[in-house]
Amino acid sequence: MRFAFLLFTAEILVCAQGRNYQDPQKRFEFSYPSGFGAPSAGMDSGFDDRVAAIRFSEFSAGVHAGKIILGGEAVLTKGAPQVDLQAAGGLYDEIVLSAFPRPAAVTVRNTLPRLNAANFCNAIARERHADPADPRLSSLTAAEKVALVQVDQMGNSSPKVLRCEVSGKTVSFEKQAGPRTIYGAIRFLPAPYSSFQLIRGGTDAPTPGVLRQITDLVNSWHELR
């Protein structure tokens, strides 16, 4: 039996397997475990290339079961794919990259290799993704070039990939960077979108099964129009 009700302006369909989230603008929907809790608008949802971000009350950033959790939002992007929680360094994180003036941020994004299923595992394993001496970055000021190196390594110090599995256009992964463990899944999409992802982290490794739950959520996404 299925029940439909309105929650946070989105239609949530409850079923035995979990719940179904339908975008309020009827652009997409996906399934998620009922244990993730209630959905609501996430960080910078609808801003720039971050088409939509959905946080979950019992799964996204906060303290859950006595552990500090970072990220954990389902995010739909357009344009060159960006990745939450500096999973591939700060230059690939749209929120962090916004610290640069807009023209500089655009220049940096245009210089970076575009992420896809084939190069993602390599990208998250690297500590450096851009060279200040690259001629394509000549328009950056001296201060911006210094910041480029710092931002590139932000949240991505001495990365160690523990697993990175590619299945079609979806990549699921777990890595360590400094004191943080970062894990999740990203699915690369055709235009008009570029990716659907859920990246989560903290000081502890993911519990058994959570990476599969995240991957299933990401793979359940489909466009409605």
Protein backbone atom coordinates (compact mmCIF):
# COMPACT_ATOMS: atom_id res chain seq x y z
CA MET A 1 0.00 0.00 0.00
CA ARG A 2 1.23 3.48 -0.81
CA PHE A 3 0.38 6.74 0.90
CA ALA A 4 0.94 10.17 -0.59
CA PHE A 5 1.35 13.30 1.48
CA LEU A 6 2.88 16.75 1.11
CA LEU A 7 6.07 17.49 3.03
CA PHE A 8 8.41 20.47 2.57
CA THR A 9 6.52 21.27 -0.68
CA ALA A 10 7.60 17.92 -2.17
CA GLU A 11 5.50 14.83 -2.73
CA ILE A 12 6.77 11.89 -0.70
CA LEU A 13 5.43 8.45 -1.51
CA VAL A 14 5.87 5.95 1.31
CA CYS A 15 6.26 2.29 0.40
CA ALA A 16 7.69 -0.88 1.91
CA GLN A 17 11.11 -0.28 0.34
CA GLY A 18 11.41 3.31 1.58
CA ARG A 19 10.26 6.62 0.21
CA ASN A 20 10.14 8.44 -3.07
CA TYR A 21 11.15 12.08 -3.36
CA GLN A 22 9.59 14.09 -6.14
CA ASP A 23 11.04 17.48 -6.97
CA PRO A 24 8.50 20.27 -6.25
CA GLN A 25 9.01 21.55 -9.81
CA LYS A 26 8.35 18.05 -11.22
CA ARG A 27 11.81 17.85 -12.85
CA PHE A 28 13.02 14.60 -11.27
CA GLU A 29 12.45 12.02 -8.58
CA PHE A 30 14.44 9.39 -6.68
CA SER A 31 14.02 6.82 -3.93
CA TYR A 32 15.66 6.94 -0.51
CA PRO A 33 15.60 4.83 2.68
CA SER A 34 12.92 5.88 5.16
CA GLY A 35 15.60 5.85 7.89
CA PHE A 36 17.22 8.90 6.27
CA GLY A 37 14.40 10.98 7.75
CA ALA A 38 12.50 13.95 6.37
CA PRO A 39 13.82 15.81 3.31
CA SER A 40 14.21 19.57 3.10
CA ALA A 41 16.09 22.11 0.98
CA GLY A 42 19.86 21.67 1.26
CA MET A 43 22.80 24.07 1.09
CA ASP A 44 22.71 26.52 -1.84
CA SER A 45 19.86 24.60 -3.45
CA GLY A 46 19.02 26.21 -6.79
CA PHE A 47 22.05 28.52 -6.73
CA ASP A 48 24.24 28.74 -9.84
CA ASP A 49 25.01 25.22 -11.17
CA ARG A 50 23.68 23.56 -8.03
CA VAL A 51 20.26 22.79 -9.52
CA ALA A 52 18.87 21.20 -6.37
CA ALA A 53 20.16 20.03 -3.00
CA ILE A 54 18.11 17.88 -0.64
CA ARG A 55 19.17 17.24 2.95
CA PHE A 56 17.79 14.47 5.18
CA SER A 57 16.99 15.07 8.84
CA GLU A 58 18.48 11.81 10.13
CA PHE A 59 21.32 11.37 7.65
CA SER A 60 22.77 14.69 6.49
CA ALA A 61 25.19 17.00 8.34
CA GLY A 62 24.74 16.98 12.09
CA VAL A 63 25.25 14.63 15.03
CA HIS A 64 23.73 11.18 14.49
CA ALA A 65 24.20 8.26 16.90
CA GLY A 66 26.82 10.32 18.71
CA LYS A 67 28.91 10.88 15.57
CA ILE A 68 29.55 14.11 13.71
CA ILE A 69 28.41 13.79 10.10
CA LEU A 70 29.39 16.10 7.25
CA GLY A 71 27.56 16.56 3.94
CA GLY A 72 25.07 13.81 3.17
CA GLU A 73 22.90 15.85 0.80
CA ALA A 74 21.56 14.59 -2.51
CA VAL A 75 22.68 17.12 -5.11
CA LEU A 76 21.78 17.60 -8.78
CA THR A 77 24.22 19.68 -10.85
CA LYS A 78 24.49 21.18 -14.29
CA GLY A 79 27.57 22.45 -16.12
CA ALA A 80 30.97 20.94 -15.37
CA PRO A 81 30.40 18.41 -12.54
CA GLN A 82 31.42 19.61 -9.10
CA VAL A 83 31.75 17.38 -6.03
CA ASP A 84 30.66 18.08 -2.44
CA LEU A 85 32.90 17.91 0.64
CA GLN A 86 36.06 18.60 -1.36
CA ALA A 87 36.04 14.92 -2.34
CA ALA A 88 38.26 15.89 -5.29
CA GLY A 89 39.79 18.94 -3.63
CA GLY A 90 38.40 22.42 -3.17
CA LEU A 91 38.66 23.45 -6.82
CA TYR A 92 36.05 20.84 -7.74
CA ASP A 93 33.73 21.94 -4.91
CA GLU A 94 31.36 24.65 -6.14
CA ILE A 95 30.72 26.05 -2.66
CA VAL A 96 34.45 26.36 -1.88
CA LEU A 97 35.32 27.67 -5.36
CA SER A 98 32.84 30.51 -4.86
CA ALA A 99 35.43 32.12 -2.54
CA PHE A 100 37.19 33.26 -5.71
CA PRO A 101 35.88 36.31 -7.58
CA ARG A 102 33.49 35.15 -10.27
CA PRO A 103 35.84 35.73 -13.25
CA ALA A 104 38.67 33.83 -11.53
CA ALA A 105 36.36 30.96 -10.57
CA VAL A 106 35.18 30.62 -14.17
CA THR A 107 38.78 30.61 -15.41
CA VAL A 108 39.73 27.89 -12.94
CA ARG A 109 36.73 25.73 -13.80
CA ASN A 110 37.48 26.02 -17.51
CA THR A 111 41.06 24.87 -16.88
CA LEU A 112 40.21 21.77 -14.83
CA PRO A 113 39.61 18.48 -16.66
CA ARG A 114 35.89 17.75 -16.76
CA LEU A 115 35.03 14.96 -14.34
CA ASN A 116 33.44 11.80 -15.71
CA ALA A 117 33.09 8.15 -14.75
CA ALA A 118 36.39 7.28 -16.45
CA ASN A 119 38.61 9.84 -14.65
CA PHE A 120 36.83 10.30 -11.32
CA CYS A 121 38.80 7.68 -9.35
CA ASN A 122 42.07 9.24 -10.49
CA ALA A 123 40.84 12.75 -9.66
CA ILE A 124 39.91 11.94 -6.04
CA ALA A 125 43.26 10.19 -5.52
CA ARG A 126 45.25 13.31 -6.44
CA GLU A 127 46.19 16.11 -4.04
CA ARG A 128 46.86 18.60 -6.85
CA HIS A 129 44.59 19.33 -9.81
CA ALA A 130 45.85 22.66 -11.12
CA ASP A 131 49.24 24.31 -11.68
CA PRO A 132 49.48 28.08 -11.05
CA ALA A 133 52.06 28.23 -13.86
CA ASP A 134 49.53 26.95 -16.40
CA PRO A 135 49.33 29.64 -19.15
CA ARG A 136 45.55 29.31 -19.13
CA LEU A 137 45.61 30.75 -15.59
CA SER A 138 47.70 33.79 -16.51
CA SER A 139 44.77 36.15 -15.86
CA LEU A 140 44.78 35.25 -12.14
CA THR A 141 46.46 37.69 -9.77
CA ALA A 142 49.46 36.62 -7.70
CA ALA A 143 47.23 36.33 -4.63
CA GLU A 144 44.70 34.22 -6.54
CA LYS A 145 47.47 31.85 -7.67
CA VAL A 146 48.56 31.36 -4.06
CA ALA A 147 44.94 30.72 -3.11
CA LEU A 148 44.64 28.27 -6.01
CA VAL A 149 47.14 25.89 -4.39
CA GLN A 150 45.57 26.25 -0.95
CA VAL A 151 42.02 25.70 -2.19
CA ASP A 152 43.08 22.73 -4.34
CA GLN A 153 44.34 20.93 -1.22
CA MET A 154 41.45 22.04 1.00
CA GLY A 155 39.85 19.00 2.61
CA ASN A 156 42.08 16.81 0.47
CA SER A 157 45.39 16.51 2.32
CA SER A 158 47.31 13.29 1.59
CA PRO A 159 44.33 11.53 0.00
CA LYS A 160 44.12 7.75 0.15
CA VAL A 161 41.42 6.02 -1.87
CA LEU A 162 40.18 2.92 -0.05
CA ARG A 163 37.74 1.89 -2.76
CA CYS A 164 36.45 3.33 -5.99
CA GLU A 165 34.06 1.28 -8.09
CA VAL A 166 32.70 2.25 -11.49
CA SER A 167 29.45 0.78 -12.79
CA GLY A 168 28.28 2.38 -16.01
CA LYS A 169 28.02 6.12 -15.34
CA THR A 170 27.99 5.74 -11.55
CA VAL A 171 31.03 5.78 -9.27
CA SER A 172 30.91 4.80 -5.60
CA PHE A 173 33.92 5.46 -3.41
CA GLU A 174 35.48 5.74 0.02
CA LYS A 175 38.65 7.70 0.77
CA GLN A 176 40.62 9.22 3.60
CA ALA A 177 41.98 12.74 3.52
CA GLY A 178 43.66 13.95 6.66
CA PRO A 179 41.42 13.08 9.63
CA ARG A 180 38.32 12.72 7.47
CA THR A 181 36.76 9.74 5.76
CA ILE A 182 34.73 10.77 2.72
CA TYR A 183 32.40 8.41 0.89
CA GLY A 184 29.45 8.39 -1.44
CA ALA A 185 28.36 7.99 -5.03
CA ILE A 186 28.14 10.20 -8.09
CA ARG A 187 26.22 9.46 -11.26
CA PHE A 188 27.19 11.37 -14.39
CA LEU A 189 24.18 12.54 -16.39
CA PRO A 190 23.55 13.82 -19.92
CA ALA A 191 22.53 17.44 -20.53
CA PRO A 192 20.74 19.47 -19.32
CA TYR A 193 22.20 18.10 -16.06
CA SER A 194 25.71 16.83 -15.35
CA SER A 195 25.61 14.77 -12.14
CA PHE A 196 23.50 13.47 -9.31
CA GLN A 197 25.46 12.71 -6.17
CA LEU A 198 25.41 12.13 -2.46
CA ILE A 199 28.73 12.65 -0.66
CA ARG A 200 29.03 12.14 3.10
CA GLY A 201 31.90 12.20 5.57
CA GLY A 202 33.16 12.31 9.11
CA THR A 203 35.94 10.95 11.30
CA ASP A 204 34.58 7.40 11.13
CA ALA A 205 34.31 4.91 8.27
CA PRO A 206 30.80 4.32 6.91
CA THR A 207 28.77 1.63 8.62
CA PRO A 208 28.20 -1.59 6.65
CA GLY A 209 25.62 -1.14 3.94
CA VAL A 210 25.47 2.66 3.96
CA LEU A 211 27.54 3.03 0.79
CA ARG A 212 25.17 0.62 -0.97
CA GLN A 213 22.20 2.67 0.23
CA ILE A 214 23.79 5.82 -1.14
CA THR A 215 24.61 4.18 -4.46
CA ASP A 216 21.06 2.81 -4.80
CA LEU A 217 19.66 6.28 -4.08
CA VAL A 218 21.85 7.88 -6.74
CA ASN A 219 20.98 5.18 -9.30
CA SER A 220 17.24 5.58 -8.64
CA TRP A 221 17.23 9.17 -9.94
CA HIS A 222 15.29 9.78 -13.13
CA GLU A 223 14.10 12.81 -15.02
CA LEU A 224 10.39 13.56 -15.17
CA ARG A 225 10.44 15.86 -18.18
